[in-house]
Amino acid sequence: MLCVRGGKIENDMTKQEIIAVVKERDNLLKTHEKNVRVDEIQKQITDVFIKKFNDYEVDFILETLTMFGQAPNVIYDDNGLFAVSAAGYQPVVTGRQKIEGMMSVFVEKKQWKKTIRLALKHYLLDEG
């Protein structure tokens, strides 16, 4: 199975193929930051996650999204519901610093779901 055909990413990609394409994107960012392929790769992989959502582990999807500059936060409400949101505030950190202090995450009612997987799917459909 090939993950790239004629410059387009296939809808059916293995985890290893996604990792390879993300590495390609990272290399493009280092050498040709304004290359349109950078944004295309992000959009196409996000589309793969949406179309084949159940084929990938939640942590793999979340970690891949962070490589695109997204900051998805998984929130639990003590009532058995989860949300994934990238809206909020946090202290600015650089390099290898770790956040110490308060973070605020904004969540709308519609984002609360019974599982992390359902909350992540909502996030992808809403943000993607």
C-alpha atoms as a PDB file:
ATOM      1  CA  MET A   1       0.000   0.000   0.000  1.00  0.00           C
ATOM      2  CA  LEU A   2       1.399   3.377  -1.009  1.00  0.00           C
ATOM      3  CA  CYS A   3       0.582   6.382   1.119  1.00  0.00           C
ATOM      4  CA  VAL A   4       1.314   8.991  -1.538  1.00  0.00           C
ATOM      5  CA  ARG A   5       0.103   8.696  -5.111  1.00  0.00           C
ATOM      6  CA  GLY A   6       0.581  11.544  -7.558  1.00  0.00           C
ATOM      7  CA  GLY A   7       1.322  13.971  -4.721  1.00  0.00           C
ATOM      8  CA  LYS A   8      -1.951  13.118  -2.940  1.00  0.00           C
ATOM      9  CA  ILE A   9      -2.084  11.296   0.367  1.00  0.00           C
ATOM     10  CA  GLU A  10      -4.220   8.146   0.313  1.00  0.00           C
ATOM     11  CA  ASN A  11      -7.214   7.765   2.632  1.00  0.00           C
ATOM     12  CA  ASP A  12      -5.899   4.445   3.916  1.00  0.00           C
ATOM     13  CA  MET A  13      -2.570   5.016   5.648  1.00  0.00           C
ATOM     14  CA  THR A  14      -0.747   3.029   8.308  1.00  0.00           C
ATOM     15  CA  LYS A  15       0.591   4.707  11.406  1.00  0.00           C
ATOM     16  CA  GLN A  16       4.138   4.368  10.017  1.00  0.00           C
ATOM     17  CA  GLU A  17       3.130   6.020   6.730  1.00  0.00           C
ATOM     18  CA  ILE A  18       1.590   8.949   8.601  1.00  0.00           C
ATOM     19  CA  ILE A  19       4.769   9.327  10.680  1.00  0.00           C
ATOM     20  CA  ALA A  20       6.857   9.349   7.469  1.00  0.00           C
ATOM     21  CA  VAL A  21       4.668  12.028   5.845  1.00  0.00           C
ATOM     22  CA  VAL A  22       4.781  14.159   9.028  1.00  0.00           C
ATOM     23  CA  LYS A  23       8.602  13.899   8.930  1.00  0.00           C
ATOM     24  CA  GLU A  24       8.502  15.031   5.296  1.00  0.00           C
ATOM     25  CA  ARG A  25       6.412  18.019   6.430  1.00  0.00           C
ATOM     26  CA  ASP A  26       8.924  18.823   9.201  1.00  0.00           C
ATOM     27  CA  ASN A  27      11.759  18.791   6.663  1.00  0.00           C
ATOM     28  CA  LEU A  28       9.801  21.102   4.354  1.00  0.00           C
ATOM     29  CA  LEU A  29       9.234  23.496   7.264  1.00  0.00           C
ATOM     30  CA  LYS A  30      12.990  23.630   7.883  1.00  0.00           C
ATOM     31  CA  THR A  31      13.908  24.270   4.252  1.00  0.00           C
ATOM     32  CA  HIS A  32      10.857  25.839   2.574  1.00  0.00           C
ATOM     33  CA  GLU A  33       8.618  27.215   5.312  1.00  0.00           C
ATOM     34  CA  LYS A  34       6.170  28.778   2.844  1.00  0.00           C
ATOM     35  CA  ASN A  35       5.850  25.640   0.708  1.00  0.00           C
ATOM     36  CA  VAL A  36       2.118  24.995   0.133  1.00  0.00           C
ATOM     37  CA  ARG A  37       2.769  21.277   0.644  1.00  0.00           C
ATOM     38  CA  VAL A  38       3.185  21.953   4.406  1.00  0.00           C
ATOM     39  CA  ASP A  39      -0.465  22.971   4.791  1.00  0.00           C
ATOM     40  CA  GLU A  40      -1.644  20.316   2.328  1.00  0.00           C
ATOM     41  CA  ILE A  41      -0.041  17.551   4.382  1.00  0.00           C
ATOM     42  CA  GLN A  42      -1.699  18.804   7.565  1.00  0.00           C
ATOM     43  CA  LYS A  43      -5.127  18.998   5.885  1.00  0.00           C
ATOM     44  CA  GLN A  44      -4.791  15.618   4.195  1.00  0.00           C
ATOM     45  CA  ILE A  45      -3.677  13.783   7.338  1.00  0.00           C
ATOM     46  CA  THR A  46      -6.471  15.413   9.332  1.00  0.00           C
ATOM     47  CA  ASP A  47      -8.886  14.192   6.631  1.00  0.00           C
ATOM     48  CA  VAL A  48      -7.439  10.668   6.935  1.00  0.00           C
ATOM     49  CA  PHE A  49      -8.016  10.794  10.708  1.00  0.00           C
ATOM     50  CA  ILE A  50     -11.634  11.852  10.169  1.00  0.00           C
ATOM     51  CA  LYS A  51     -12.376   9.229   7.499  1.00  0.00           C
ATOM     52  CA  LYS A  52     -10.590   6.328   9.225  1.00  0.00           C
ATOM     53  CA  PHE A  53     -10.995   7.552  12.806  1.00  0.00           C
ATOM     54  CA  ASN A  54     -11.382   4.130  14.437  1.00  0.00           C
ATOM     55  CA  ASP A  55      -8.194   2.821  12.782  1.00  0.00           C
ATOM     56  CA  TYR A  56      -5.901   4.959  14.981  1.00  0.00           C
ATOM     57  CA  GLU A  57      -5.242   5.189  18.718  1.00  0.00           C
ATOM     58  CA  VAL A  58      -6.432   8.368  20.436  1.00  0.00           C
ATOM     59  CA  ASP A  59      -2.938   9.218  21.705  1.00  0.00           C
ATOM     60  CA  PHE A  60      -1.466   8.872  18.200  1.00  0.00           C
ATOM     61  CA  ILE A  61      -4.056  11.276  16.769  1.00  0.00           C
ATOM     62  CA  LEU A  62      -3.524  13.799  19.592  1.00  0.00           C
ATOM     63  CA  GLU A  63       0.272  13.651  19.322  1.00  0.00           C
ATOM     64  CA  THR A  64       0.149  14.044  15.535  1.00  0.00           C
ATOM     65  CA  LEU A  65      -2.118  17.084  15.829  1.00  0.00           C
ATOM     66  CA  THR A  66       0.411  18.725  18.180  1.00  0.00           C
ATOM     67  CA  MET A  67       3.048  18.314  15.464  1.00  0.00           C
ATOM     68  CA  PHE A  68       0.855  20.582  13.322  1.00  0.00           C
ATOM     69  CA  GLY A  69       0.938  23.305  15.982  1.00  0.00           C
ATOM     70  CA  GLN A  70      -2.429  22.454  17.463  1.00  0.00           C
ATOM     71  CA  ALA A  71      -2.831  22.284  21.241  1.00  0.00           C
ATOM     72  CA  PRO A  72      -5.714  19.902  21.964  1.00  0.00           C
ATOM     73  CA  ASN A  73      -6.482  19.608  25.688  1.00  0.00           C
ATOM     74  CA  VAL A  74      -8.353  16.609  27.074  1.00  0.00           C
ATOM     75  CA  ILE A  75     -10.641  17.723  29.907  1.00  0.00           C
ATOM     76  CA  TYR A  76     -12.670  15.605  32.372  1.00  0.00           C
ATOM     77  CA  ASP A  77     -15.615  17.118  34.259  1.00  0.00           C
ATOM     78  CA  ASP A  78     -15.970  14.747  37.304  1.00  0.00           C
ATOM     79  CA  ASN A  79     -19.412  13.739  35.975  1.00  0.00           C
ATOM     80  CA  GLY A  80     -18.045  11.137  33.588  1.00  0.00           C
ATOM     81  CA  LEU A  81     -17.751  13.374  30.535  1.00  0.00           C
ATOM     82  CA  PHE A  82     -14.735  14.356  28.442  1.00  0.00           C
ATOM     83  CA  ALA A  83     -14.022  17.227  26.081  1.00  0.00           C
ATOM     84  CA  VAL A  84     -11.165  18.070  23.738  1.00  0.00           C
ATOM     85  CA  SER A  85     -10.570  21.776  23.230  1.00  0.00           C
ATOM     86  CA  ALA A  86      -7.762  23.946  21.926  1.00  0.00           C
ATOM     87  CA  ALA A  87      -9.346  27.193  23.106  1.00  0.00           C
ATOM     88  CA  GLY A  88      -7.885  28.773  26.210  1.00  0.00           C
ATOM     89  CA  TYR A  89      -4.946  30.496  27.847  1.00  0.00           C
ATOM     90  CA  GLN A  90      -1.696  29.309  29.378  1.00  0.00           C
ATOM     91  CA  PRO A  91       1.603  30.862  30.420  1.00  0.00           C
ATOM     92  CA  VAL A  92       4.103  31.217  27.575  1.00  0.00           C
ATOM     93  CA  VAL A  93       6.826  28.566  27.659  1.00  0.00           C
ATOM     94  CA  THR A  94       9.925  28.204  25.521  1.00  0.00           C
ATOM     95  CA  GLY A  95      12.368  25.432  24.871  1.00  0.00           C
ATOM     96  CA  ARG A  96      12.040  22.660  27.423  1.00  0.00           C
ATOM     97  CA  GLN A  97      10.212  24.703  30.054  1.00  0.00           C
ATOM     98  CA  LYS A  98       7.211  23.139  31.701  1.00  0.00           C
ATOM     99  CA  ILE A  99       4.099  25.072  32.586  1.00  0.00           C
ATOM    100  CA  GLU A 100       3.755  25.882  36.226  1.00  0.00           C
ATOM    101  CA  GLY A 101       0.654  27.717  37.260  1.00  0.00           C
ATOM    102  CA  MET A 102      -2.851  28.056  35.978  1.00  0.00           C
ATOM    103  CA  MET A 103      -4.209  27.113  32.559  1.00  0.00           C
ATOM    104  CA  SER A 104      -7.688  28.026  31.366  1.00  0.00           C
ATOM    105  CA  VAL A 105      -9.477  25.913  28.776  1.00  0.00           C
ATOM    106  CA  PHE A 106     -12.768  26.954  27.224  1.00  0.00           C
ATOM    107  CA  VAL A 107     -15.336  24.234  26.561  1.00  0.00           C
ATOM    108  CA  GLU A 108     -18.784  24.526  24.995  1.00  0.00           C
ATOM    109  CA  LYS A 109     -21.648  22.230  26.059  1.00  0.00           C
ATOM    110  CA  LYS A 110     -21.619  20.453  22.707  1.00  0.00           C
ATOM    111  CA  GLN A 111     -17.995  19.355  23.268  1.00  0.00           C
ATOM    112  CA  TRP A 112     -18.766  17.134  26.287  1.00  0.00           C
ATOM    113  CA  LYS A 113     -18.859  13.435  25.331  1.00  0.00           C
ATOM    114  CA  LYS A 114     -18.990  10.083  27.169  1.00  0.00           C
ATOM    115  CA  THR A 115     -15.500   9.007  26.010  1.00  0.00           C
ATOM    116  CA  ILE A 116     -12.209  10.643  25.078  1.00  0.00           C
ATOM    117  CA  ARG A 117     -12.520   9.068  21.614  1.00  0.00           C
ATOM    118  CA  LEU A 118     -15.934  10.681  21.019  1.00  0.00           C
ATOM    119  CA  ALA A 119     -14.657  14.025  22.318  1.00  0.00           C
ATOM    120  CA  LEU A 120     -11.659  13.818  19.982  1.00  0.00           C
ATOM    121  CA  LYS A 121     -13.885  12.952  17.026  1.00  0.00           C
ATOM    122  CA  HIS A 122     -16.011  16.010  17.772  1.00  0.00           C
ATOM    123  CA  TYR A 123     -12.837  18.139  17.979  1.00  0.00           C
ATOM    124  CA  LEU A 124     -11.620  16.859  14.594  1.00  0.00           C
ATOM    125  CA  LEU A 125     -14.965  17.474  12.916  1.00  0.00           C
ATOM    126  CA  ASP A 126     -15.345  20.900  14.525  1.00  0.00           C
ATOM    127  CA  GLU A 127     -11.743  22.108  14.118  1.00  0.00           C
ATOM    128  CA  GLY A 128     -10.779  20.153  10.990  1.00  0.00           C
END
